[in-house]
């Protein structure tokens, strides 16, 4: 005898929901497999056509010999790698100093009250000037200009001033990123901290900055990725980093494969860093979504 009553009413909708869920899951699985197949075929077709077009060019053997010569690649690799370590050294110095300077500038601009107006004005002038000067021009001005003055007690090394130029330029951008994070913190957080008797500096240090930094970490990580590329600009000062070393090899052999070596080294450095930034941003976005839910 078929069941009737409340038990049947609750059982049948649950079964129907289970069947609908299974059907939807199967449909999504089929669509996902179909999409993956289409993506694979289109990717193989695209790169296959591109390789065929390049390889069928009558000038490809000459380009391959001039830019992708395996023998020249092996010969240029050690010297270009030694120069590349100088790029890494300058990057490390800059990435340590930039957060310190930019945090100081952001704090100066975030202070409130008439008594702090000179500090706010100084921070605004600093940011406006250094964001308006191209990084390349700033490296040239400091790297060539300051050592030529021969000031007593002032370092004259071009590597030192290359680091200073990068720090000054990027700290202006980073300070604005930090300030945007400070402004994104709800005003109630500041009011609550002041109600507890904290000073402005204590409020920024203990209540505002921890939240502000968490809000802008993805933007800060993208700045790091941009910095590792702009480090190559210091070669204009005659520093024997990866690019000048590759240029010296090219002028000696009339082969451009050394530039490919430098390109590969920068890619081996930048691509993992970029992927790490993307992973971190995705994780941060997922964390924020779970927090909001």
Protein backbone atom coordinates (compact mmCIF):
# COMPACT_ATOMS: atom_id res chain seq x y z
CA UNK A 1 0.00 0.00 0.00
CA UNK A 2 1.51 3.43 -0.94
CA UNK A 3 2.46 5.72 1.86
CA UNK A 4 0.32 8.70 2.54
CA UNK A 5 0.42 11.57 4.96
CA UNK A 6 3.25 13.82 6.20
CA UNK A 7 6.02 11.26 5.68
CA UNK A 8 5.29 11.05 1.96
CA UNK A 9 5.04 14.83 1.59
CA UNK A 10 8.49 15.36 3.08
CA UNK A 11 10.12 12.41 1.31
CA UNK A 12 9.11 13.16 -2.26
CA UNK A 13 10.34 16.77 -2.44
CA UNK A 14 13.68 15.69 -0.98
CA UNK A 15 14.05 12.96 -3.61
CA UNK A 16 13.17 15.37 -6.39
CA UNK A 17 15.74 17.86 -5.13
CA UNK A 18 18.36 15.12 -5.07
CA UNK A 19 17.58 14.11 -8.65
CA UNK A 20 17.67 17.72 -9.81
CA UNK A 21 20.99 18.27 -8.05
CA UNK A 22 22.49 15.14 -9.64
CA UNK A 23 21.21 16.18 -13.08
CA UNK A 24 22.63 19.69 -12.67
CA UNK A 25 25.95 18.28 -11.50
CA UNK A 26 26.18 15.96 -14.48
CA UNK A 27 25.26 18.79 -16.83
CA UNK A 28 27.91 21.06 -15.36
CA UNK A 29 30.47 18.26 -15.59
CA UNK A 30 29.67 17.72 -19.27
CA UNK A 31 29.86 21.43 -19.99
CA UNK A 32 33.17 21.69 -18.13
CA UNK A 33 34.68 18.78 -20.07
CA UNK A 34 33.41 20.23 -23.34
CA UNK A 35 34.86 23.64 -22.48
CA UNK A 36 38.22 22.14 -21.55
CA UNK A 37 38.32 20.23 -24.85
CA UNK A 38 37.50 23.35 -26.86
CA UNK A 39 40.13 25.37 -24.97
CA UNK A 40 42.79 22.70 -25.60
CA UNK A 41 42.01 22.39 -29.30
CA UNK A 42 41.93 26.17 -29.84
CA UNK A 43 45.21 26.63 -27.95
CA UNK A 44 47.00 23.93 -29.91
CA UNK A 45 45.61 25.30 -33.17
CA UNK A 46 46.65 28.87 -32.36
CA UNK A 47 50.22 28.03 -31.40
CA UNK A 48 50.50 25.54 -34.24
CA UNK A 49 49.55 28.18 -36.78
CA UNK A 50 51.88 30.73 -35.15
CA UNK A 51 54.84 28.32 -35.20
CA UNK A 52 54.11 27.37 -38.81
CA UNK A 53 53.95 31.02 -39.92
CA UNK A 54 57.20 31.89 -38.16
CA UNK A 55 59.01 28.76 -39.31
CA UNK A 56 57.90 29.17 -42.93
CA UNK A 57 59.39 32.68 -43.16
CA UNK A 58 62.43 32.78 -45.40
CA UNK A 59 64.25 35.02 -42.89
CA UNK A 60 63.61 32.73 -39.92
CA UNK A 61 66.97 30.86 -40.17
CA UNK A 62 68.80 34.20 -40.02
CA UNK A 63 66.71 35.43 -37.07
CA UNK A 64 67.19 32.12 -35.28
CA UNK A 65 70.97 32.34 -35.69
CA UNK A 66 71.13 35.98 -34.55
CA UNK A 67 68.72 35.80 -31.59
CA UNK A 68 68.28 32.15 -30.60
CA UNK A 69 71.69 30.61 -31.14
CA UNK A 70 72.16 27.84 -28.58
CA UNK A 71 75.95 28.09 -28.58
CA UNK A 72 75.89 31.84 -27.94
CA UNK A 73 73.21 31.32 -25.28
CA UNK A 74 75.47 28.95 -23.31
CA UNK A 75 78.46 31.25 -23.75
CA UNK A 76 76.65 34.43 -22.65
CA UNK A 77 74.74 32.88 -19.75
CA UNK A 78 77.46 33.05 -17.01
CA UNK A 79 78.41 36.71 -17.58
CA UNK A 80 74.82 37.93 -17.94
CA UNK A 81 73.85 35.97 -14.83
CA UNK A 82 76.60 37.70 -12.83
CA UNK A 83 75.25 41.06 -13.94
CA UNK A 84 71.72 39.98 -13.13
CA UNK A 85 72.64 39.37 -9.48
CA UNK A 86 73.36 43.09 -9.25
CA UNK A 87 69.76 43.75 -10.35
CA UNK A 88 68.60 41.43 -7.59
CA UNK A 89 70.79 43.21 -5.02
CA UNK A 90 69.43 46.65 -5.94
CA UNK A 91 65.89 45.28 -5.86
CA UNK A 92 66.36 43.85 -2.36
CA UNK A 93 67.73 47.14 -1.00
CA UNK A 94 64.88 49.10 -2.57
CA UNK A 95 62.11 46.74 -1.47
CA UNK A 96 63.33 47.02 2.14
CA UNK A 97 63.57 50.83 2.18
CA UNK A 98 60.42 51.69 0.22
CA UNK A 99 57.88 50.49 2.86
CA UNK A 100 59.67 52.46 5.58
CA UNK A 101 59.74 55.75 3.65
CA UNK A 102 56.24 55.37 2.20
CA UNK A 103 54.75 54.53 5.59
CA UNK A 104 56.29 57.66 7.08
CA UNK A 105 54.91 59.81 4.25
CA UNK A 106 51.46 58.20 4.49
CA UNK A 107 51.35 58.81 8.24
CA UNK A 108 52.35 62.44 7.78
CA UNK A 109 49.56 62.97 5.26
CA UNK A 110 46.98 61.16 7.40
CA UNK A 111 47.53 63.31 10.48
CA UNK A 112 44.65 65.62 11.30
CA UNK A 113 44.42 68.95 13.04
CA UNK A 114 45.87 72.42 12.35
CA UNK A 115 49.09 71.69 14.23
CA UNK A 116 50.04 68.97 11.72
CA UNK A 117 49.42 71.10 8.61
CA UNK A 118 53.17 71.60 7.87
CA UNK A 119 53.71 67.85 7.90
CA UNK A 120 50.70 67.24 5.65
CA UNK A 121 51.92 69.95 3.25
CA UNK A 122 55.40 68.44 3.15
CA UNK A 123 53.94 65.00 2.40
CA UNK A 124 51.73 66.38 -0.40
CA UNK A 125 54.66 68.23 -2.01
CA UNK A 126 56.83 65.10 -1.78
CA UNK A 127 54.18 62.91 -3.41
CA UNK A 128 53.29 65.39 -6.14
CA UNK A 129 56.89 66.06 -7.13
CA UNK A 130 58.16 62.50 -7.15
CA UNK A 131 55.10 61.06 -8.87
CA UNK A 132 55.46 63.72 -11.55
CA UNK A 133 59.11 62.93 -12.32
CA UNK A 134 59.64 59.81 -14.49
CA UNK A 135 61.66 57.15 -12.71
CA UNK A 136 64.21 57.05 -15.53
CA UNK A 137 64.78 60.80 -15.31
CA UNK A 138 65.09 60.66 -11.53
CA UNK A 139 67.74 57.93 -11.79
CA UNK A 140 69.71 60.05 -14.27
CA UNK A 141 69.43 63.24 -12.19
CA UNK A 142 70.53 61.63 -8.94
CA UNK A 143 72.97 59.10 -10.37
CA UNK A 144 74.92 61.62 -12.42
CA UNK A 145 74.12 64.88 -10.65
CA UNK A 146 74.80 64.23 -6.96
CA UNK A 147 78.19 62.45 -7.36
CA UNK A 148 79.42 65.25 -9.62
CA UNK A 149 78.85 67.79 -6.81
CA UNK A 150 81.50 66.04 -4.66
CA UNK A 151 79.69 66.95 -1.43
CA UNK A 152 81.56 66.18 1.77
CA UNK A 153 80.14 63.20 3.64
CA UNK A 154 77.74 62.31 0.82
CA UNK A 155 78.19 58.93 -0.94
CA UNK A 156 79.30 59.19 -4.55
CA UNK A 157 78.59 55.63 -5.65
CA UNK A 158 76.17 55.39 -8.57
CA UNK A 159 74.67 52.18 -7.19
CA UNK A 160 73.76 53.99 -3.96
CA UNK A 161 72.01 56.79 -5.84
CA UNK A 162 70.29 54.31 -8.14
CA UNK A 163 68.72 52.71 -5.06
CA UNK A 164 67.84 56.15 -3.66
CA UNK A 165 66.13 57.14 -6.91
CA UNK A 166 64.04 53.96 -6.97
CA UNK A 167 63.12 54.39 -3.30
CA UNK A 168 62.08 58.02 -3.74
CA UNK A 169 60.01 57.32 -6.85
CA UNK A 170 58.23 54.21 -5.61
CA UNK A 171 57.70 55.48 -2.07
CA UNK A 172 55.57 58.30 -3.46
CA UNK A 173 53.25 55.83 -5.22
CA UNK A 174 53.27 53.42 -2.29
CA UNK A 175 52.44 56.22 0.17
CA UNK A 176 49.30 57.02 -1.82
CA UNK A 177 48.34 53.34 -1.79
CA UNK A 178 48.73 53.24 1.98
CA UNK A 179 46.79 56.48 2.37
CA UNK A 180 43.92 55.05 0.33
CA UNK A 181 43.89 52.11 2.73
CA UNK A 182 43.79 54.49 5.69
CA UNK A 183 40.89 56.41 4.15
CA UNK A 184 39.02 53.13 3.55
CA UNK A 185 38.95 52.34 7.28
CA UNK A 186 35.56 53.34 8.70
CA UNK A 187 35.55 56.62 10.61
CA UNK A 188 33.98 54.83 13.56
CA UNK A 189 37.28 53.01 14.14
CA UNK A 190 39.09 56.29 14.57
CA UNK A 191 36.35 57.71 16.79
CA UNK A 192 36.37 54.62 18.99
CA UNK A 193 40.13 54.79 19.42
CA UNK A 194 39.99 58.47 20.32
CA UNK A 195 37.20 57.76 22.78
CA UNK A 196 39.52 55.33 24.54
CA UNK A 197 42.00 58.16 25.06
CA UNK A 198 44.50 57.31 22.31
CA UNK A 199 46.39 60.13 20.63
CA UNK A 200 46.37 60.60 16.85
CA UNK A 201 49.67 58.80 16.47
CA UNK A 202 48.53 55.93 18.69
CA UNK A 203 45.22 55.72 16.82
CA UNK A 204 47.02 55.41 13.50
CA UNK A 205 49.50 52.89 14.85
CA UNK A 206 47.20 50.55 16.76
CA UNK A 207 43.75 50.97 15.17
CA UNK A 208 43.99 52.34 11.63
CA UNK A 209 47.23 51.06 10.08
CA UNK A 210 46.73 47.33 10.75
CA UNK A 211 43.38 47.45 8.95
CA UNK A 212 44.67 49.76 6.20
CA UNK A 213 47.62 47.52 5.34
CA UNK A 214 45.37 44.46 5.05
CA UNK A 215 43.13 46.39 2.64
CA UNK A 216 45.94 47.36 0.25
CA UNK A 217 48.23 44.31 0.33
CA UNK A 218 47.22 43.24 -3.24
CA UNK A 219 48.07 46.69 -4.60
CA UNK A 220 51.36 46.70 -2.72
CA UNK A 221 52.27 43.31 -4.15
CA UNK A 222 51.64 44.59 -7.69
CA UNK A 223 53.98 47.49 -6.93
CA UNK A 224 56.69 44.96 -6.06
CA UNK A 225 56.20 43.28 -9.45
CA UNK A 226 56.55 46.64 -11.20
CA UNK A 227 59.68 47.48 -9.21
CA UNK A 228 61.52 44.34 -10.24
CA UNK A 229 61.20 45.40 -13.88
CA UNK A 230 62.19 49.04 -13.35
CA UNK A 231 65.40 47.92 -11.65
CA UNK A 232 66.76 47.43 -15.17
CA UNK A 233 66.64 51.22 -15.65
CA UNK A 234 69.74 51.64 -13.47
CA UNK A 235 71.86 50.44 -16.39
CA UNK A 236 71.73 54.00 -17.76
CA UNK A 237 74.24 54.93 -15.03
CA UNK A 238 76.81 52.51 -16.42
CA UNK A 239 76.18 49.87 -13.77
CA UNK A 240 77.24 46.47 -15.08
CA UNK A 241 73.97 44.69 -14.50
CA UNK A 242 72.32 42.21 -16.87
CA UNK A 243 71.55 44.60 -19.75
CA UNK A 244 74.98 46.24 -20.14
CA UNK A 245 76.62 42.83 -19.85
CA UNK A 246 74.39 41.54 -22.63
CA UNK A 247 75.19 44.62 -24.71
CA UNK A 248 78.92 44.11 -24.28
CA UNK A 249 78.60 40.51 -25.44
CA UNK A 250 76.57 41.62 -28.47
CA UNK A 251 79.09 44.30 -29.44
CA UNK A 252 81.85 41.68 -29.28
CA UNK A 253 80.13 38.87 -31.18
CA UNK A 254 77.50 40.73 -33.26
CA UNK A 255 74.98 38.23 -31.97
CA UNK A 256 71.86 39.27 -30.02
CA UNK A 257 71.28 36.02 -28.15
CA UNK A 258 72.69 37.60 -24.98
CA UNK A 259 69.59 39.83 -24.85
CA UNK A 260 67.47 36.68 -24.89
CA UNK A 261 69.54 35.43 -21.94
CA UNK A 262 68.75 38.63 -20.02
CA UNK A 263 65.08 38.29 -20.97
CA UNK A 264 64.96 34.70 -19.72
CA UNK A 265 66.55 35.70 -16.40
CA UNK A 266 64.04 38.48 -15.80
CA UNK A 267 61.19 36.13 -16.71
CA UNK A 268 62.48 33.45 -14.35
CA UNK A 269 62.36 36.08 -11.65
CA UNK A 270 59.16 37.94 -12.52
CA UNK A 271 56.79 35.14 -13.57
CA UNK A 272 56.89 33.23 -10.23
CA UNK A 273 56.52 36.55 -8.41
CA UNK A 274 53.54 37.50 -10.58
CA UNK A 275 51.89 34.12 -10.06
CA UNK A 276 52.41 34.44 -6.31
CA UNK A 277 50.74 37.86 -6.37
CA UNK A 278 47.78 36.49 -8.34
CA UNK A 279 47.45 33.59 -5.90
CA UNK A 280 47.59 35.92 -2.92
CA UNK A 281 44.99 38.30 -4.41
CA UNK A 282 42.64 35.37 -5.15
CA UNK A 283 43.08 34.06 -1.61
CA UNK A 284 42.48 37.51 -0.15
CA UNK A 285 39.34 37.93 -2.28
CA UNK A 286 38.02 34.55 -1.13
CA UNK A 287 38.76 35.41 2.49
CA UNK A 288 36.87 38.70 2.18
CA UNK A 289 33.90 36.93 0.57
CA UNK A 290 33.72 34.42 3.42
CA UNK A 291 33.98 37.22 5.97
CA UNK A 292 31.13 39.13 4.35
CA UNK A 293 28.95 36.02 4.27
